Amino acid sequence: MPADHNTAVKKIILSTHSQSQPIPSKEECALITRYTMTKGKQSVTVTLVVILYPPRKPKENWDAFAYVTNIPVTLDNALVLAESYRSRWGIETGYRVKEEIRGKTCSQQYPVRLLFQMLSILLYNLWHLCNLILVVTLFWDKKGYPMILNAFRYTIADLIMVDNR
């Protein structure tokens, strides 16, 4: 899971710049350390991994990505796990935001409900395609999407309303 950027984790991330080790055959560096997460009276000790990615442009800072896991981590698999977790979180984010574009119906008929489900999947994929096109055409190098889902949703709604007038 992503590491919560509390005060202790922020300190560890800052220390990563001086304590990290290079990942073999890669430009990235990593710091792998034990970390105890506490919530109330419960605590668990896990592995905290901080990956430092080199800057894309001169004079930029190194980008830090931190995650916690209970899987054994070495310098050889730290980067692979980081990329796997990032991909997984992208999928989980997709499930979380799908409610924002899900069509709602009171119909009990399966074909109608299936149509609404397929339409929401189509719109979600169209949103990703629009963002991909924007990233390429705008040379977007920032984190996040150039067009957030709500803006896309309202734009589509406005287009539908204009066509119906």
Protein backbone atom coordinates (compact mmCIF):
# COMPACT_ATOMS: atom_id res chain seq x y z
CA MET A 1 0.00 0.00 0.00
CA PRO A 2 1.18 3.57 -0.44
CA ALA A 3 3.05 4.90 2.56
CA ASP A 4 1.13 7.52 4.50
CA HIS A 5 3.28 10.66 4.35
CA ASN A 6 3.19 11.40 8.06
CA THR A 7 6.05 13.14 9.87
CA ALA A 8 8.07 9.95 10.42
CA VAL A 9 7.78 8.82 6.80
CA LYS A 10 8.67 12.31 5.55
CA LYS A 11 11.87 12.16 7.65
CA ILE A 12 12.74 8.77 6.17
CA ILE A 13 12.08 10.06 2.64
CA LEU A 14 14.40 13.02 3.28
CA SER A 15 17.08 10.68 4.63
CA THR A 16 16.74 8.50 1.53
CA HIS A 17 18.80 10.98 -0.47
CA SER A 18 21.84 10.28 1.71
CA GLN A 19 21.18 6.67 2.78
CA SER A 20 19.82 5.06 -0.37
CA GLN A 21 21.64 2.48 -2.44
CA PRO A 22 21.66 2.32 -6.23
CA ILE A 23 19.41 -0.32 -7.77
CA PRO A 24 21.58 -2.67 -9.85
CA SER A 25 21.60 -1.81 -13.58
CA LYS A 26 19.15 1.08 -13.07
CA GLU A 27 19.33 4.83 -12.57
CA GLU A 28 17.01 4.69 -9.56
CA CYS A 29 18.03 4.37 -5.92
CA ALA A 30 16.17 2.76 -3.04
CA LEU A 31 16.03 2.72 0.71
CA ILE A 32 14.56 -0.42 2.29
CA THR A 33 13.89 -0.26 6.02
CA ARG A 34 11.65 -1.71 8.70
CA TYR A 35 8.83 0.57 9.76
CA THR A 36 6.18 0.23 12.46
CA MET A 37 2.73 1.52 11.62
CA THR A 38 0.52 2.32 14.59
CA LYS A 39 -3.20 2.98 14.81
CA GLY A 40 -4.59 3.36 18.30
CA LYS A 41 -3.27 0.48 20.41
CA GLN A 42 -2.50 -1.72 17.42
CA SER A 43 0.79 -1.72 15.55
CA VAL A 44 2.39 -3.74 12.80
CA THR A 45 5.96 -3.79 11.53
CA VAL A 46 6.33 -3.79 7.77
CA THR A 47 8.94 -2.98 5.17
CA LEU A 48 9.02 0.62 4.01
CA VAL A 49 10.53 1.10 0.57
CA VAL A 50 11.42 4.50 -0.86
CA ILE A 51 12.37 4.63 -4.52
CA LEU A 52 14.16 7.71 -5.84
CA TYR A 53 13.63 8.41 -9.52
CA PRO A 54 16.15 10.69 -11.25
CA PRO A 55 14.87 14.07 -12.45
CA ARG A 56 13.59 14.28 -16.03
CA LYS A 57 15.05 17.74 -16.55
CA PRO A 58 18.22 19.37 -15.22
CA LYS A 59 17.91 21.21 -11.90
CA GLU A 60 14.76 19.30 -10.92
CA ASN A 61 14.57 17.28 -7.70
CA TRP A 62 14.56 13.50 -7.54
CA ASP A 63 11.03 12.10 -7.35
CA ALA A 64 10.36 9.90 -4.30
CA PHE A 65 7.82 7.08 -4.28
CA ALA A 66 7.19 5.31 -0.96
CA TYR A 67 5.25 2.15 -0.25
CA VAL A 68 4.92 -0.34 2.56
CA THR A 69 4.68 -4.08 2.11
CA ASN A 70 4.93 -7.37 3.95
CA ILE A 71 6.60 -9.02 0.94
CA PRO A 72 10.38 -9.57 1.24
CA VAL A 73 12.08 -6.71 -0.65
CA THR A 74 15.62 -6.53 -1.97
CA LEU A 75 17.33 -4.01 -4.22
CA ASP A 76 16.74 -6.42 -7.09
CA ASN A 77 12.94 -6.51 -6.75
CA ALA A 78 12.18 -3.11 -5.15
CA LEU A 79 11.60 -1.33 -8.47
CA VAL A 80 9.52 -4.17 -9.93
CA LEU A 81 7.30 -4.17 -6.83
CA ALA A 82 6.95 -0.39 -7.00
CA GLU A 83 5.77 -0.54 -10.62
CA SER A 84 3.41 -3.43 -9.80
CA TYR A 85 1.90 -1.49 -6.90
CA ARG A 86 1.50 1.64 -9.05
CA SER A 87 -0.35 -0.38 -11.68
CA ARG A 88 -2.55 -1.99 -9.06
CA TRP A 89 -3.40 1.35 -7.48
CA GLY A 90 -4.38 2.65 -10.90
CA ILE A 91 -6.87 -0.19 -11.20
CA GLU A 92 -8.18 0.43 -7.68
CA THR A 93 -8.55 4.13 -8.46
CA GLY A 94 -10.55 3.13 -11.52
CA TYR A 95 -12.95 1.13 -9.37
CA ARG A 96 -13.22 4.01 -6.91
CA VAL A 97 -14.00 6.69 -9.51
CA LYS A 98 -16.32 4.58 -11.65
CA GLU A 99 -19.19 5.63 -9.38
CA GLU A 100 -18.73 9.20 -10.64
CA ILE A 101 -19.76 8.25 -14.18
CA ARG A 102 -22.05 5.32 -13.53
CA GLY A 103 -25.46 5.65 -15.09
CA LYS A 104 -28.32 5.17 -12.67
CA THR A 105 -31.61 3.48 -13.45
CA CYS A 106 -34.54 2.04 -11.54
CA SER A 107 -35.22 -0.50 -14.26
CA GLN A 108 -35.20 -4.14 -13.23
CA GLN A 109 -34.60 -5.25 -16.80
CA TYR A 110 -31.19 -6.80 -17.34
CA PRO A 111 -30.61 -5.35 -20.85
CA VAL A 112 -31.21 -1.80 -19.60
CA ARG A 113 -28.91 -2.25 -16.63
CA LEU A 114 -26.25 -3.82 -18.86
CA LEU A 115 -26.54 -0.91 -21.31
CA PHE A 116 -25.93 1.58 -18.48
CA GLN A 117 -22.93 -0.44 -17.26
CA MET A 118 -21.41 -0.66 -20.76
CA LEU A 119 -22.00 3.05 -21.32
CA SER A 120 -20.17 3.91 -18.08
CA ILE A 121 -17.23 1.71 -19.12
CA LEU A 122 -17.20 3.35 -22.55
CA LEU A 123 -17.18 6.85 -21.01
CA TYR A 124 -14.45 5.92 -18.54
CA ASN A 125 -12.27 4.56 -21.37
CA LEU A 126 -13.02 7.65 -23.47
CA TRP A 127 -11.85 9.81 -20.56
CA HIS A 128 -8.57 7.87 -20.45
CA LEU A 129 -8.17 8.22 -24.22
CA CYS A 130 -8.76 11.99 -24.04
CA ASN A 131 -6.13 12.26 -21.30
CA LEU A 132 -3.67 10.22 -23.35
CA ILE A 133 -4.21 12.52 -26.34
CA LEU A 134 -3.80 15.60 -24.12
CA VAL A 135 -0.61 14.22 -22.55
CA VAL A 136 0.91 13.66 -25.98
CA THR A 137 -0.22 16.93 -27.58
CA LEU A 138 0.55 19.15 -24.57
CA PHE A 139 3.81 17.34 -23.70
CA TRP A 140 2.33 16.88 -20.22
CA ASP A 141 5.09 15.91 -17.78
CA LYS A 142 3.29 16.58 -14.51
CA LYS A 143 1.73 14.06 -12.17
CA GLY A 144 -1.96 13.45 -12.54
CA TYR A 145 -4.29 13.88 -15.46
CA PRO A 146 -4.64 17.01 -17.61
CA MET A 147 -8.44 16.59 -17.49
CA ILE A 148 -10.02 15.45 -14.25
CA LEU A 149 -12.98 13.11 -14.42
CA ASN A 150 -15.55 15.63 -13.18
CA ALA A 151 -14.53 18.16 -15.84
CA PHE A 152 -14.84 15.45 -18.49
CA ARG A 153 -18.23 14.40 -17.15
CA TYR A 154 -19.59 17.95 -17.20
CA THR A 155 -18.18 18.51 -20.70
CA ILE A 156 -19.95 15.40 -21.99
CA ALA A 157 -23.18 16.44 -20.24
CA ASP A 158 -22.96 19.90 -21.83
CA LEU A 159 -22.45 18.34 -25.26
CA ILE A 160 -25.48 16.12 -24.79
CA MET A 161 -27.60 19.07 -23.65
CA VAL A 162 -26.55 21.20 -26.65
CA ASP A 163 -27.49 18.38 -29.04
CA ASN A 164 -30.91 18.02 -27.42
CA ARG A 165 -31.86 21.70 -27.70
